[in-house]
Amino acid sequence: MEHIKQKTISGLTWSFIDNFVNQGIQFIVGIILARLLSPSEFGLVGMITIFIAVSQSFIDSGFSNALIRKKECSQTDYSTVFFFNLLAGIILYVLLFIISRPISNFYDQPELQPLIKVLGLSLIFRSFSIIQGVILVKKIDFKTQAKISIFSTVISGTTGIMMAYSGFGVWSLIGRTVSAALFYSLFLWIWNRWRPVLVFSKKSFKELYGFGSKLLISGLIDTVYQNIYYLIIGKYFSAKELGYYTRADLLKDIPSKNINGIVSTVTYPVLATLQDDREKLKAGYKRIITSIMLISFVLMIGMSAVAEPMIITLIGEKWQPSVIYLQMLCFVGMLYPLHSLNLNMLKVQGRSDLFLKLEIIKKILALPTIFIGIIFGIKIMIACMMATSLIAYYLNSYWSGKFINYSMKEQITDILPSFLLAMVMGVIVYFAGINIHTGYPVIFIIQILMGSFLTLFLCEIFKLNSYIYLKEILITKFNDIINARK
């Protein structure tokens, strides 16, 4: 158990470093690009996001999760999936190339056609390196992944900024995305020495696809759902309005999807090693949920509280309409890690069939949100997204909890103190910002400092178990660093 704990802490630490540094760089790059480009240019890229995201899901086809879950993977397994991924990437790029005109006609935006043709190249680049990434995940080697991710982010971010300064407009966003995929794949091939052999096993394919196919369908449904709002806003509103929404959504994603990515990537292979010991599985699962949700609640509610001074200070007055979208989206995003953890438990138990059924039910229940958004506008649509997120949590936690005797009621009891603490902090910080009569940059700094102090103060006063656990991890890692230098 101690070995698993160390691997978990190491994985979480390096995954956190990866996401923190990576997103820090992307955040800075995003600020510069938002000041150089217009909301409409961001909106144009948002219109085609769903097509790239769906294609990427097809390329992976659930094989990554199947390989990670399988205890012993052979060279034949890896090579079979590699050649399938590569073929899928080429076919999907050709398909996107062909339908680029109908897509541009759908939005009545002729400039989308060449953008799609170039952006689609990222699919081929990504398909080259999926297996290399899977092998690193199975080894829980997030240190190597962190280096690769950070280097590729720096290079692609620099590319995007240079193109924007040179007057390439929306093409700078395309250049940034394509170069990120290219260099990420290139570095994976350099640092991970695995190479495919010329073999394709039908037996291996069927075995892995039996588990992965249900996750593929689940992933496609979720990908369409997560990006359908871009399509709806782009079609029924305007490129500028979509630009405001995408900017708010991207800012919301910095904490929410990064926490979610860390949780999903690290905890799945670690929990998979405990799948045969229910008692240890529940103990580890419970500790992860309480700790991660404290971080999620504090960051998301805190971001909602400082949304206005943050947006105006960082990217300018022209993005003011994004404020209300960000404030509302934060309450949608704060549950992402909880969804991911509960769904990971289903994958650990090998219940990809139940995973699929839940995804279908949740997305059907979410359909009214789309129609309401078309009729009543974007703000009402986001309010409905909050409601569907709560329904999704109920479904996920109910079924995952049955496998390890960890009910939704017990989960809520465990995470409620963190939520209440974060809400108290957020309310105080929000109203403090309203009553400070000075420039936005000063308000933003004061709110950040106040929120940080309040969070630590309240955690120390109430001695939250999740806070104590996280503090112990940080102290241990700090002592390890100090001792290593002696």
Protein backbone atom coordinates (compact mmCIF):
# COMPACT_ATOMS: atom_id res chain seq x y z
CA MET A 1 0.00 0.00 0.00
CA GLU A 2 2.90 2.35 0.82
CA HIS A 3 4.37 1.71 -2.64
CA ILE A 4 1.07 2.66 -4.26
CA LYS A 5 0.88 5.78 -2.10
CA GLN A 6 4.34 6.89 -3.20
CA LYS A 7 3.53 6.27 -6.86
CA THR A 8 0.31 8.24 -6.47
CA ILE A 9 2.03 11.17 -4.78
CA SER A 10 4.84 11.16 -7.34
CA GLY A 11 2.38 10.95 -10.22
CA LEU A 12 0.17 13.69 -8.80
CA THR A 13 3.20 15.89 -8.10
CA TRP A 14 4.65 15.66 -11.61
CA SER A 15 1.22 15.87 -13.21
CA PHE A 16 0.54 18.99 -11.15
CA ILE A 17 3.89 20.50 -12.19
CA ASP A 18 3.10 19.65 -15.81
CA ASN A 19 -0.35 21.21 -15.68
CA PHE A 20 0.67 24.19 -13.55
CA VAL A 21 3.65 25.19 -15.69
CA ASN A 22 1.92 24.23 -18.94
CA GLN A 23 -1.22 26.15 -18.17
CA GLY A 24 0.80 29.04 -16.82
CA ILE A 25 2.53 29.31 -20.17
CA GLN A 26 -0.71 28.85 -22.09
CA PHE A 27 -2.38 31.42 -19.86
CA ILE A 28 0.29 34.01 -20.64
CA VAL A 29 0.20 33.15 -24.35
CA GLY A 30 -3.61 33.37 -24.28
CA ILE A 31 -3.49 36.83 -22.67
CA ILE A 32 -1.09 38.11 -25.33
CA LEU A 33 -3.14 36.63 -28.18
CA ALA A 34 -6.41 37.96 -26.69
CA ARG A 35 -4.92 41.47 -26.69
CA LEU A 36 -3.63 41.12 -30.25
CA LEU A 37 -6.67 39.41 -31.80
CA SER A 38 -10.39 40.11 -31.83
CA PRO A 39 -13.23 38.09 -30.22
CA SER A 40 -14.48 37.24 -33.73
CA GLU A 41 -11.18 35.55 -34.62
CA PHE A 42 -11.37 33.40 -31.51
CA GLY A 43 -14.98 32.66 -32.43
CA LEU A 44 -13.99 31.34 -35.87
CA VAL A 45 -11.69 28.75 -34.30
CA GLY A 46 -14.41 27.90 -31.78
CA MET A 47 -16.76 27.02 -34.65
CA ILE A 48 -14.55 24.16 -35.84
CA THR A 49 -13.44 22.93 -32.42
CA ILE A 50 -16.16 20.27 -32.25
CA PHE A 51 -15.09 18.66 -35.53
CA ILE A 52 -11.46 18.34 -34.42
CA ALA A 53 -12.43 17.08 -30.97
CA VAL A 54 -14.77 14.40 -32.35
CA SER A 55 -12.13 13.27 -34.83
CA GLN A 56 -9.56 12.96 -32.04
CA SER A 57 -11.94 10.72 -30.08
CA PHE A 58 -12.31 8.45 -33.10
CA ILE A 59 -8.55 8.16 -33.49
CA ASP A 60 -8.03 6.92 -29.95
CA SER A 61 -11.19 4.75 -30.03
CA GLY A 62 -10.95 3.93 -26.32
CA PHE A 63 -7.80 1.87 -26.84
CA SER A 64 -5.72 4.02 -24.49
CA ASN A 65 -7.90 3.17 -21.50
CA ALA A 66 -8.01 -0.48 -22.54
CA LEU A 67 -4.20 -0.66 -22.70
CA ILE A 68 -3.79 1.15 -19.36
CA ARG A 69 -6.23 -1.21 -17.66
CA LYS A 70 -4.61 -4.34 -19.09
CA LYS A 71 -2.00 -5.50 -16.59
CA GLU A 72 0.44 -6.98 -19.11
CA CYS A 73 0.60 -5.47 -22.60
CA SER A 74 2.68 -7.07 -25.34
CA GLN A 75 4.54 -5.48 -28.23
CA THR A 76 1.81 -6.92 -30.44
CA ASP A 77 -0.86 -5.08 -28.44
CA TYR A 78 0.96 -1.76 -28.74
CA SER A 79 1.80 -2.13 -32.44
CA THR A 80 -1.73 -3.19 -33.36
CA VAL A 81 -3.22 -0.11 -31.71
CA PHE A 82 -0.49 2.14 -33.15
CA PHE A 83 -1.27 1.22 -36.76
CA PHE A 84 -5.01 1.50 -36.15
CA ASN A 85 -4.56 4.99 -34.66
CA LEU A 86 -2.38 6.10 -37.57
CA LEU A 87 -4.81 4.82 -40.19
CA ALA A 88 -7.74 6.43 -38.38
CA GLY A 89 -5.87 9.76 -38.24
CA ILE A 90 -5.20 9.77 -42.00
CA ILE A 91 -8.77 8.76 -42.90
CA LEU A 92 -10.32 11.39 -40.63
CA TYR A 93 -8.05 14.12 -41.99
CA VAL A 94 -9.11 13.26 -45.55
CA LEU A 95 -12.74 13.31 -44.45
CA LEU A 96 -12.35 16.73 -42.82
CA PHE A 97 -10.64 18.01 -45.97
CA ILE A 98 -13.63 16.88 -48.04
CA ILE A 99 -16.34 18.32 -45.77
CA SER A 100 -14.56 21.61 -45.07
CA ARG A 101 -16.78 23.42 -47.62
CA PRO A 102 -20.09 22.13 -46.16
CA ILE A 103 -18.92 23.15 -42.70
CA SER A 104 -18.09 26.67 -43.85
CA ASN A 105 -21.45 26.86 -45.61
CA PHE A 106 -23.24 25.72 -42.43
CA TYR A 107 -21.84 28.68 -40.52
CA ASP A 108 -21.92 30.97 -43.58
CA GLN A 109 -18.22 31.69 -42.97
CA PRO A 110 -16.18 31.02 -46.19
CA GLU A 111 -12.85 31.61 -44.39
CA LEU A 112 -13.38 28.45 -42.34
CA GLN A 113 -12.60 26.13 -45.26
CA PRO A 114 -8.80 26.67 -45.41
CA LEU A 115 -8.64 26.85 -41.60
CA ILE A 116 -10.14 23.36 -41.29
CA LYS A 117 -7.78 21.88 -43.89
CA VAL A 118 -4.70 23.09 -42.02
CA LEU A 119 -5.96 22.52 -38.48
CA GLY A 120 -6.84 18.93 -39.40
CA LEU A 121 -3.13 18.12 -39.76
CA SER A 122 -2.95 18.06 -35.96
CA LEU A 123 -4.97 14.82 -36.04
CA ILE A 124 -2.27 12.99 -37.99
CA PHE A 125 0.49 14.34 -35.74
CA ARG A 126 -1.37 13.22 -32.59
CA SER A 127 -2.10 9.76 -33.98
CA PHE A 128 1.65 9.10 -34.26
CA SER A 129 2.24 9.35 -30.52
CA ILE A 130 -0.77 7.98 -28.62
CA ILE A 131 0.98 4.70 -27.76
CA GLN A 132 4.12 6.47 -26.51
CA GLY A 133 1.91 8.45 -24.15
CA VAL A 134 0.06 5.33 -22.97
CA ILE A 135 3.34 3.58 -22.11
CA LEU A 136 4.44 6.53 -19.97
CA VAL A 137 1.07 6.54 -18.18
CA LYS A 138 1.31 2.81 -17.44
CA LYS A 139 4.74 3.40 -15.96
CA ILE A 140 3.28 6.36 -14.04
CA ASP A 141 6.19 8.32 -15.54
CA PHE A 142 4.68 11.78 -15.46
CA LYS A 143 8.07 13.43 -15.14
CA THR A 144 8.92 12.67 -18.77
CA GLN A 145 5.44 13.68 -19.89
CA ALA A 146 5.82 16.98 -18.04
CA LYS A 147 9.05 17.82 -19.88
CA ILE A 148 7.55 16.95 -23.25
CA SER A 149 4.38 18.90 -22.63
CA ILE A 150 6.16 22.01 -21.36
CA PHE A 151 8.67 22.15 -24.22
CA SER A 152 5.97 21.74 -26.87
CA THR A 153 3.80 24.39 -25.21
CA VAL A 154 6.65 26.91 -25.15
CA ILE A 155 7.47 26.35 -28.83
CA SER A 156 3.84 26.43 -30.02
CA GLY A 157 3.02 29.46 -27.87
CA THR A 158 6.00 31.34 -29.28
CA THR A 159 4.88 30.38 -32.79
CA GLY A 160 1.37 31.73 -32.20
CA ILE A 161 2.58 35.01 -30.72
CA MET A 162 5.09 35.63 -33.52
CA MET A 163 2.40 34.98 -36.13
CA ALA A 164 -0.04 37.31 -34.36
CA TYR A 165 2.54 40.10 -34.16
CA SER A 166 3.25 39.59 -37.87
CA GLY A 167 -0.40 40.19 -38.73
CA PHE A 168 -1.56 36.64 -39.50
CA GLY A 169 -4.78 37.13 -37.48
CA VAL A 170 -6.80 33.95 -36.94
CA TRP A 171 -4.02 31.90 -38.59
CA SER A 172 -1.87 32.50 -35.52
CA LEU A 173 -4.35 30.42 -33.49
CA ILE A 174 -4.21 27.65 -36.09
CA GLY A 175 -0.42 27.77 -36.20
CA ARG A 176 -0.23 27.49 -32.43
CA THR A 177 -2.48 24.40 -32.32
CA VAL A 178 -0.83 22.55 -35.22
CA SER A 179 2.71 23.22 -33.99
CA ALA A 180 1.73 22.04 -30.48
CA ALA A 181 0.57 18.68 -31.90
CA LEU A 182 3.67 18.38 -34.09
CA PHE A 183 6.25 19.05 -31.40
CA TYR A 184 4.41 17.08 -28.71
CA SER A 185 4.49 14.00 -30.94
CA LEU A 186 8.10 14.62 -32.00
CA PHE A 187 9.33 14.89 -28.40
CA LEU A 188 7.43 11.74 -27.39
CA TRP A 189 9.27 9.82 -30.13
CA ILE A 190 12.60 11.26 -28.96
CA TRP A 191 12.18 10.64 -25.20
CA ASN A 192 10.21 7.39 -25.35
CA ARG A 193 12.25 4.76 -27.14
CA TRP A 194 9.34 2.46 -27.95
CA ARG A 195 8.98 1.72 -31.66
CA PRO A 196 6.24 -0.28 -33.42
CA VAL A 197 6.88 -3.57 -35.20
CA LEU A 198 5.18 -4.54 -38.44
CA VAL A 199 2.36 -6.60 -36.95
CA PHE A 200 -1.42 -6.27 -36.63
CA SER A 201 -3.18 -8.86 -34.50
CA LYS A 202 -6.92 -9.38 -34.97
CA LYS A 203 -7.03 -11.20 -31.63
CA SER A 204 -5.39 -8.31 -29.79
CA PHE A 205 -7.59 -5.80 -31.60
CA LYS A 206 -10.81 -7.63 -30.63
CA GLU A 207 -9.73 -8.05 -27.02
CA LEU A 208 -8.88 -4.39 -26.54
CA TYR A 209 -11.78 -3.14 -28.60
CA GLY A 210 -14.21 -5.18 -26.52
CA PHE A 211 -13.47 -2.91 -23.57
CA GLY A 212 -12.48 0.21 -25.48
CA SER A 213 -15.41 0.35 -27.92
CA LYS A 214 -17.87 1.27 -25.18
CA LEU A 215 -15.51 3.95 -23.94
CA LEU A 216 -15.18 5.18 -27.53
CA ILE A 217 -18.91 5.70 -27.83
CA SER A 218 -19.01 7.24 -24.34
CA GLY A 219 -16.13 9.53 -25.27
CA LEU A 220 -17.77 10.58 -28.52
CA ILE A 221 -21.03 11.38 -26.75
CA ASP A 222 -19.21 13.40 -24.10
CA THR A 223 -17.02 15.19 -26.66
CA VAL A 224 -20.03 16.20 -28.74
CA TYR A 225 -21.84 17.33 -25.60
CA GLN A 226 -18.88 19.37 -24.32
CA ASN A 227 -18.44 21.12 -27.67
CA ILE A 228 -22.02 21.32 -28.93
CA TYR A 229 -22.42 24.70 -27.26
CA TYR A 230 -19.71 26.13 -29.51
CA LEU A 231 -21.62 24.88 -32.53
CA ILE A 232 -24.97 26.25 -31.28
CA ILE A 233 -23.60 29.68 -30.35
CA GLY A 234 -21.63 29.92 -33.62
CA LYS A 235 -24.69 28.98 -35.68
CA TYR A 236 -27.46 30.91 -33.92
CA PHE A 237 -25.59 33.91 -32.54
CA SER A 238 -22.36 35.42 -33.92
CA ALA A 239 -18.63 34.81 -34.16
CA LYS A 240 -18.05 37.67 -31.70
CA GLU A 241 -20.50 36.24 -29.15
CA LEU A 242 -18.86 32.82 -29.54
CA GLY A 243 -15.51 34.51 -28.99
CA TYR A 244 -16.72 35.91 -25.66
CA TYR A 245 -18.03 32.50 -24.63
CA THR A 246 -14.89 30.60 -25.70
CA ARG A 247 -12.66 33.01 -23.81
CA ALA A 248 -14.73 32.51 -20.64
CA ASP A 249 -14.78 28.76 -21.19
CA LEU A 250 -11.00 28.63 -21.68
CA LEU A 251 -10.40 30.63 -18.50
CA LYS A 252 -12.74 28.32 -16.60
CA ASP A 253 -10.86 25.32 -17.97
CA ILE A 254 -7.51 26.47 -16.58
CA PRO A 255 -8.30 25.22 -13.06
CA SER A 256 -11.22 22.85 -13.71
CA LYS A 257 -9.94 20.74 -16.59
CA ASN A 258 -6.38 20.80 -15.31
CA ILE A 259 -7.48 19.35 -11.98
CA ASN A 260 -9.70 16.95 -13.89
CA GLY A 261 -6.84 15.97 -16.21
CA ILE A 262 -4.50 15.30 -13.30
CA VAL A 263 -7.13 13.28 -11.46
CA SER A 264 -8.17 11.25 -14.49
CA THR A 265 -4.67 10.56 -15.79
CA VAL A 266 -2.97 9.71 -12.50
CA THR A 267 -5.69 8.07 -10.42
CA TYR A 268 -6.95 5.68 -13.10
CA PRO A 269 -3.74 3.62 -13.46
CA VAL A 270 -3.09 3.82 -9.70
CA LEU A 271 -6.62 2.73 -8.68
CA ALA A 272 -6.50 0.04 -11.36
CA THR A 273 -3.69 -1.63 -9.40
CA LEU A 274 -6.03 -1.86 -6.38
CA GLN A 275 -9.04 -3.18 -8.25
CA ASP A 276 -8.93 -6.56 -6.43
CA ASP A 277 -8.81 -5.09 -2.90
CA ARG A 278 -12.10 -3.29 -2.20
CA GLU A 279 -11.11 -2.01 1.24
CA LYS A 280 -7.88 -0.36 0.08
CA LEU A 281 -9.61 0.85 -3.07
CA LYS A 282 -12.30 2.67 -1.08
CA ALA A 283 -9.79 4.18 1.35
CA GLY A 284 -7.61 5.52 -1.46
CA TYR A 285 -10.62 6.68 -3.46
CA LYS A 286 -12.12 8.55 -0.50
CA ARG A 287 -8.86 10.31 0.31
CA ILE A 288 -8.42 11.41 -3.31
CA ILE A 289 -12.00 12.75 -3.62
CA THR A 290 -11.89 14.88 -0.47
CA SER A 291 -8.46 16.33 -1.25
CA ILE A 292 -9.10 17.09 -4.90
CA MET A 293 -12.53 18.63 -4.31
CA LEU A 294 -11.14 21.04 -1.72
CA ILE A 295 -8.79 22.37 -4.38
CA SER A 296 -11.51 22.44 -7.03
CA PHE A 297 -14.07 24.29 -4.91
CA VAL A 298 -11.58 26.92 -3.74
CA LEU A 299 -10.17 27.61 -7.21
CA MET A 300 -13.47 27.65 -9.10
CA ILE A 301 -15.51 29.66 -6.60
CA GLY A 302 -12.54 31.97 -6.14
CA MET A 303 -12.27 32.53 -9.90
CA SER A 304 -15.98 33.34 -10.10
CA ALA A 305 -15.52 35.93 -7.34
CA VAL A 306 -12.64 37.73 -9.13
CA ALA A 307 -13.93 37.27 -12.70
CA GLU A 308 -14.49 40.94 -13.60
CA PRO A 309 -11.18 42.46 -12.43
CA MET A 310 -9.33 39.40 -13.73
CA ILE A 311 -10.69 39.61 -17.27
CA ILE A 312 -10.38 43.38 -17.61
CA THR A 313 -6.89 43.46 -16.08
CA LEU A 314 -5.52 40.59 -18.13
CA ILE A 315 -7.16 40.85 -21.55
CA GLY A 316 -8.80 44.26 -21.65
CA GLU A 317 -12.14 46.07 -21.67
CA LYS A 318 -13.15 44.61 -25.06
CA TRP A 319 -13.70 41.24 -23.31
CA GLN A 320 -16.11 42.65 -20.67
CA PRO A 321 -19.09 40.57 -21.96
CA SER A 322 -17.15 37.41 -21.03
CA VAL A 323 -17.39 38.20 -17.30
CA ILE A 324 -20.91 36.89 -16.64
CA TYR A 325 -20.23 33.78 -18.73
CA LEU A 326 -17.12 33.00 -16.69
CA GLN A 327 -18.85 33.54 -13.36
CA MET A 328 -21.58 31.06 -14.28
CA LEU A 329 -19.32 28.52 -15.99
CA CYS A 330 -17.16 28.25 -12.86
CA PHE A 331 -20.08 26.60 -11.06
CA VAL A 332 -20.38 24.12 -13.92
CA GLY A 333 -16.67 23.33 -14.00
CA MET A 334 -16.12 22.84 -10.28
CA LEU A 335 -17.75 19.38 -10.42
CA TYR A 336 -15.65 18.11 -13.35
CA PRO A 337 -13.09 16.33 -11.12
CA LEU A 338 -15.90 14.67 -9.17
CA HIS A 339 -17.47 13.36 -12.38
CA SER A 340 -14.10 12.08 -13.55
CA LEU A 341 -13.33 10.28 -10.29
CA ASN A 342 -16.69 8.52 -10.18
CA LEU A 343 -16.44 7.47 -13.82
CA ASN A 344 -12.86 6.27 -13.29
CA MET A 345 -14.22 3.86 -10.70
CA LEU A 346 -16.47 2.28 -13.32
CA LYS A 347 -13.49 1.86 -15.66
CA VAL A 348 -11.40 0.36 -12.87
CA GLN A 349 -14.15 -2.19 -12.26
CA GLY A 350 -14.24 -3.01 -15.98
CA ARG A 351 -17.79 -1.72 -16.35
CA SER A 352 -17.38 0.15 -19.61
CA ASP A 353 -20.90 -1.02 -20.50
CA LEU A 354 -22.38 0.84 -17.52
CA PHE A 355 -20.09 3.79 -18.30
CA LEU A 356 -21.67 3.97 -21.78
CA LYS A 357 -25.24 3.67 -20.52
CA LEU A 358 -24.72 6.49 -18.05
CA GLU A 359 -23.22 8.74 -20.72
CA ILE A 360 -26.20 8.16 -23.00
CA ILE A 361 -28.74 8.84 -20.23
CA LYS A 362 -26.97 12.02 -19.08
CA LYS A 363 -26.67 13.46 -22.56
CA ILE A 364 -30.32 12.75 -23.36
CA LEU A 365 -31.28 14.60 -20.17
CA ALA A 366 -29.07 17.50 -21.31
CA LEU A 367 -30.76 17.93 -24.71
CA PRO A 368 -33.32 20.44 -23.36
CA THR A 369 -30.41 22.70 -22.38
CA ILE A 370 -29.47 23.11 -26.04
CA PHE A 371 -32.98 24.03 -27.16
CA ILE A 372 -33.45 26.39 -24.22
CA GLY A 373 -30.20 28.11 -25.16
CA ILE A 374 -31.33 28.62 -28.75
CA ILE A 375 -34.62 30.15 -27.58
CA PHE A 376 -33.68 32.09 -24.43
CA GLY A 377 -29.99 32.88 -24.88
CA ILE A 378 -26.57 31.91 -23.62
CA LYS A 379 -26.98 32.87 -19.93
CA ILE A 380 -30.09 30.70 -19.48
CA MET A 381 -28.29 27.89 -21.30
CA ILE A 382 -25.40 28.01 -18.81
CA ALA A 383 -27.89 27.99 -15.90
CA CYS A 384 -29.35 24.78 -17.33
CA MET A 385 -25.82 23.36 -17.66
CA MET A 386 -25.44 23.81 -13.88
CA ALA A 387 -28.60 21.79 -13.29
CA THR A 388 -27.57 18.97 -15.62
CA SER A 389 -24.14 18.84 -13.94
CA LEU A 390 -25.85 18.08 -10.61
CA ILE A 391 -28.00 15.39 -12.21
CA ALA A 392 -24.88 13.88 -13.80
CA TYR A 393 -23.18 13.78 -10.40
CA TYR A 394 -26.11 11.93 -8.88
CA LEU A 395 -26.01 9.25 -11.59
CA ASN A 396 -22.23 8.86 -11.56
CA SER A 397 -21.86 8.68 -7.79
CA TYR A 398 -24.80 6.32 -7.30
CA TRP A 399 -23.44 3.62 -9.57
CA SER A 400 -19.73 3.99 -8.81
CA GLY A 401 -20.48 3.98 -5.09
CA LYS A 402 -22.25 0.64 -5.30
CA PHE A 403 -19.02 -1.15 -6.22
CA ILE A 404 -17.07 -0.04 -3.14
CA ASN A 405 -19.89 0.81 -0.73
CA TYR A 406 -19.26 4.57 -0.97
CA SER A 407 -22.67 6.18 -1.44
CA MET A 408 -23.47 9.62 -2.77
CA LYS A 409 -24.64 10.64 0.71
CA GLU A 410 -21.28 9.66 2.16
CA GLN A 411 -19.45 11.49 -0.64
CA ILE A 412 -21.45 14.68 -0.05
CA THR A 413 -20.83 14.44 3.68
CA ASP A 414 -17.10 14.22 2.97
CA ILE A 415 -16.88 17.13 0.51
CA LEU A 416 -19.55 19.49 1.96
CA PRO A 417 -17.18 21.16 4.47
CA SER A 418 -14.82 22.08 1.61
CA PHE A 419 -17.69 23.52 -0.45
CA LEU A 420 -19.00 25.64 2.45
CA LEU A 421 -15.51 26.91 3.24
CA ALA A 422 -14.96 27.89 -0.40
CA MET A 423 -18.35 29.62 -0.58
CA VAL A 424 -17.61 31.71 2.52
CA MET A 425 -14.27 32.72 1.03
CA GLY A 426 -15.82 33.50 -2.36
CA VAL A 427 -18.66 35.65 -1.00
CA ILE A 428 -16.28 37.72 1.15
CA VAL A 429 -13.83 38.20 -1.73
CA TYR A 430 -16.61 39.13 -4.20
CA PHE A 431 -18.20 41.80 -2.00
CA ALA A 432 -14.79 43.14 -0.99
CA GLY A 433 -14.06 43.71 -4.69
CA ILE A 434 -17.33 45.60 -5.17
CA ASN A 435 -16.57 47.93 -2.27
CA ILE A 436 -12.97 48.70 -3.20
CA HIS A 437 -13.02 51.87 -5.28
CA THR A 438 -9.79 51.80 -7.23
CA GLY A 439 -8.42 50.45 -10.52
CA TYR A 440 -9.15 46.89 -11.61
CA PRO A 441 -5.51 45.69 -11.36
CA VAL A 442 -5.35 46.73 -7.69
CA ILE A 443 -8.74 45.16 -6.94
CA PHE A 444 -7.61 41.92 -8.60
CA ILE A 445 -4.41 41.72 -6.54
CA ILE A 446 -6.23 42.51 -3.27
CA GLN A 447 -8.88 39.87 -3.98
CA ILE A 448 -6.27 37.21 -4.77
CA LEU A 449 -4.34 37.91 -1.57
CA MET A 450 -7.52 38.07 0.50
CA GLY A 451 -8.85 34.81 -0.96
CA SER A 452 -5.57 32.99 -0.33
CA PHE A 453 -5.35 34.21 3.27
CA LEU A 454 -9.00 33.40 4.03
CA THR A 455 -8.70 29.89 2.61
CA LEU A 456 -5.62 29.03 4.66
CA PHE A 457 -7.05 30.68 7.78
CA LEU A 458 -10.38 28.82 7.57
CA CYS A 459 -8.67 25.51 6.80
CA GLU A 460 -6.41 25.89 9.83
CA ILE A 461 -9.30 26.94 12.09
CA PHE A 462 -11.59 24.06 11.12
CA LYS A 463 -8.80 21.48 10.66
CA LEU A 464 -10.23 19.95 7.48
CA ASN A 465 -8.90 16.41 6.99
CA SER A 466 -8.42 17.01 3.27
CA TYR A 467 -6.37 20.15 3.99
CA ILE A 468 -4.24 18.36 6.60
CA TYR A 469 -3.56 15.53 4.13
CA LEU A 470 -2.51 17.94 1.38
CA LYS A 471 -0.34 19.91 3.82
CA GLU A 472 1.41 16.70 4.92
CA ILE A 473 2.16 15.85 1.28
CA LEU A 474 3.62 19.31 0.64
CA ILE A 475 5.72 19.20 3.80
CA THR A 476 7.01 15.74 2.91
CA LYS A 477 7.94 16.79 -0.64
CA PHE A 478 9.60 19.97 0.68
CA ASN A 479 11.64 17.98 3.21
CA ASP A 480 12.63 15.52 0.49
CA ILE A 481 13.92 18.39 -1.66
CA ILE A 482 15.85 19.90 1.28
CA ASN A 483 17.37 16.54 2.23
CA ALA A 484 18.35 15.86 -1.38
CA ARG A 485 20.38 19.08 -1.45
CA LYS A 486 22.30 18.24 1.71
